[in-house]
């Protein structure tokens, strides 16, 4: 069960890298999908890849 809340409020690109969510902004941050409880996207310029959406569905 996840315990992290991920809130993104600046332009970013989200992609899947192995078993983690990669958040690309000025730097790249990695968060394991199994740790994520909720993702809040609060900006118009956030790009998601299909594998990110699939991983969110797989991990609940």
C-alpha atoms as a PDB file:
ATOM      1  CA  UNK A   1       0.000   0.000   0.000  1.00  0.00           C
ATOM      2  CA  UNK A   2       1.317   3.413  -0.960  1.00  0.00           C
ATOM      3  CA  UNK A   3       2.021   6.153   1.529  1.00  0.00           C
ATOM      4  CA  UNK A   4       3.423   9.016  -0.579  1.00  0.00           C
ATOM      5  CA  UNK A   5       1.434  11.865  -2.066  1.00  0.00           C
ATOM      6  CA  UNK A   6       3.022  13.254  -5.233  1.00  0.00           C
ATOM      7  CA  UNK A   7       1.927  16.778  -6.189  1.00  0.00           C
ATOM      8  CA  UNK A   8       3.258  18.356  -9.369  1.00  0.00           C
ATOM      9  CA  UNK A   9       2.481  22.027  -9.961  1.00  0.00           C
ATOM     10  CA  UNK A  10       5.144  22.978 -12.515  1.00  0.00           C
ATOM     11  CA  UNK A  11       5.773  21.810 -16.097  1.00  0.00           C
ATOM     12  CA  UNK A  12       7.129  18.259 -16.071  1.00  0.00           C
ATOM     13  CA  UNK A  13       7.425  15.077 -18.065  1.00  0.00           C
ATOM     14  CA  UNK A  14       6.413  11.874 -16.296  1.00  0.00           C
ATOM     15  CA  UNK A  15       7.766   8.567 -17.541  1.00  0.00           C
ATOM     16  CA  UNK A  16       8.197   5.043 -16.251  1.00  0.00           C
ATOM     17  CA  UNK A  17      11.694   3.821 -15.556  1.00  0.00           C
ATOM     18  CA  UNK A  18      11.809   0.226 -14.346  1.00  0.00           C
ATOM     19  CA  UNK A  19       9.528   0.179 -11.277  1.00  0.00           C
ATOM     20  CA  UNK A  20       9.657   3.919 -10.600  1.00  0.00           C
ATOM     21  CA  UNK A  21       7.945   7.103 -11.690  1.00  0.00           C
ATOM     22  CA  UNK A  22      10.531   9.459 -13.196  1.00  0.00           C
ATOM     23  CA  UNK A  23       9.607  13.135 -12.848  1.00  0.00           C
ATOM     24  CA  UNK A  24      11.671  15.266 -15.223  1.00  0.00           C
ATOM     25  CA  UNK A  25      11.904  18.980 -14.440  1.00  0.00           C
ATOM     26  CA  UNK A  26      15.197  20.865 -13.922  1.00  0.00           C
ATOM     27  CA  UNK A  27      16.386  17.611 -12.354  1.00  0.00           C
ATOM     28  CA  UNK A  28      14.920  14.125 -12.476  1.00  0.00           C
ATOM     29  CA  UNK A  29      13.354  12.608  -9.359  1.00  0.00           C
ATOM     30  CA  UNK A  30      12.397   8.952  -8.983  1.00  0.00           C
ATOM     31  CA  UNK A  31       9.567   7.601  -6.823  1.00  0.00           C
ATOM     32  CA  UNK A  32       8.798   3.858  -6.662  1.00  0.00           C
ATOM     33  CA  UNK A  33       5.257   3.170  -7.901  1.00  0.00           C
ATOM     34  CA  UNK A  34       4.590   0.880  -4.934  1.00  0.00           C
ATOM     35  CA  UNK A  35       5.127   3.849  -2.556  1.00  0.00           C
ATOM     36  CA  UNK A  36       2.637   6.175  -4.290  1.00  0.00           C
ATOM     37  CA  UNK A  37      -0.842   6.585  -2.781  1.00  0.00           C
ATOM     38  CA  UNK A  38      -1.976   9.575  -4.864  1.00  0.00           C
ATOM     39  CA  UNK A  39      -0.680  11.729  -7.732  1.00  0.00           C
ATOM     40  CA  UNK A  40      -2.017  15.286  -8.116  1.00  0.00           C
ATOM     41  CA  UNK A  41      -1.293  17.021 -11.440  1.00  0.00           C
ATOM     42  CA  UNK A  42      -1.857  20.756 -11.093  1.00  0.00           C
ATOM     43  CA  UNK A  43      -0.432  22.292 -14.281  1.00  0.00           C
ATOM     44  CA  UNK A  44      -1.367  22.311 -17.964  1.00  0.00           C
ATOM     45  CA  UNK A  45       2.132  21.500 -19.225  1.00  0.00           C
ATOM     46  CA  UNK A  46       2.570  18.064 -17.676  1.00  0.00           C
ATOM     47  CA  UNK A  47       3.229  15.233 -20.111  1.00  0.00           C
ATOM     48  CA  UNK A  48       2.382  11.626 -19.261  1.00  0.00           C
ATOM     49  CA  UNK A  49       3.459   8.546 -21.146  1.00  0.00           C
ATOM     50  CA  UNK A  50       1.189   5.562 -21.643  1.00  0.00           C
ATOM     51  CA  UNK A  51       3.433   3.297 -19.506  1.00  0.00           C
ATOM     52  CA  UNK A  52       2.943   5.710 -16.570  1.00  0.00           C
ATOM     53  CA  UNK A  53      -0.832   5.400 -16.831  1.00  0.00           C
ATOM     54  CA  UNK A  54      -0.556   1.607 -17.119  1.00  0.00           C
ATOM     55  CA  UNK A  55       1.694   1.423 -14.050  1.00  0.00           C
ATOM     56  CA  UNK A  56      -0.752   3.573 -12.063  1.00  0.00           C
ATOM     57  CA  UNK A  57      -3.532   1.150 -12.971  1.00  0.00           C
ATOM     58  CA  UNK A  58      -1.366  -1.878 -12.099  1.00  0.00           C
ATOM     59  CA  UNK A  59      -0.262  -0.551  -8.715  1.00  0.00           C
ATOM     60  CA  UNK A  60      -3.697   0.826  -7.829  1.00  0.00           C
END
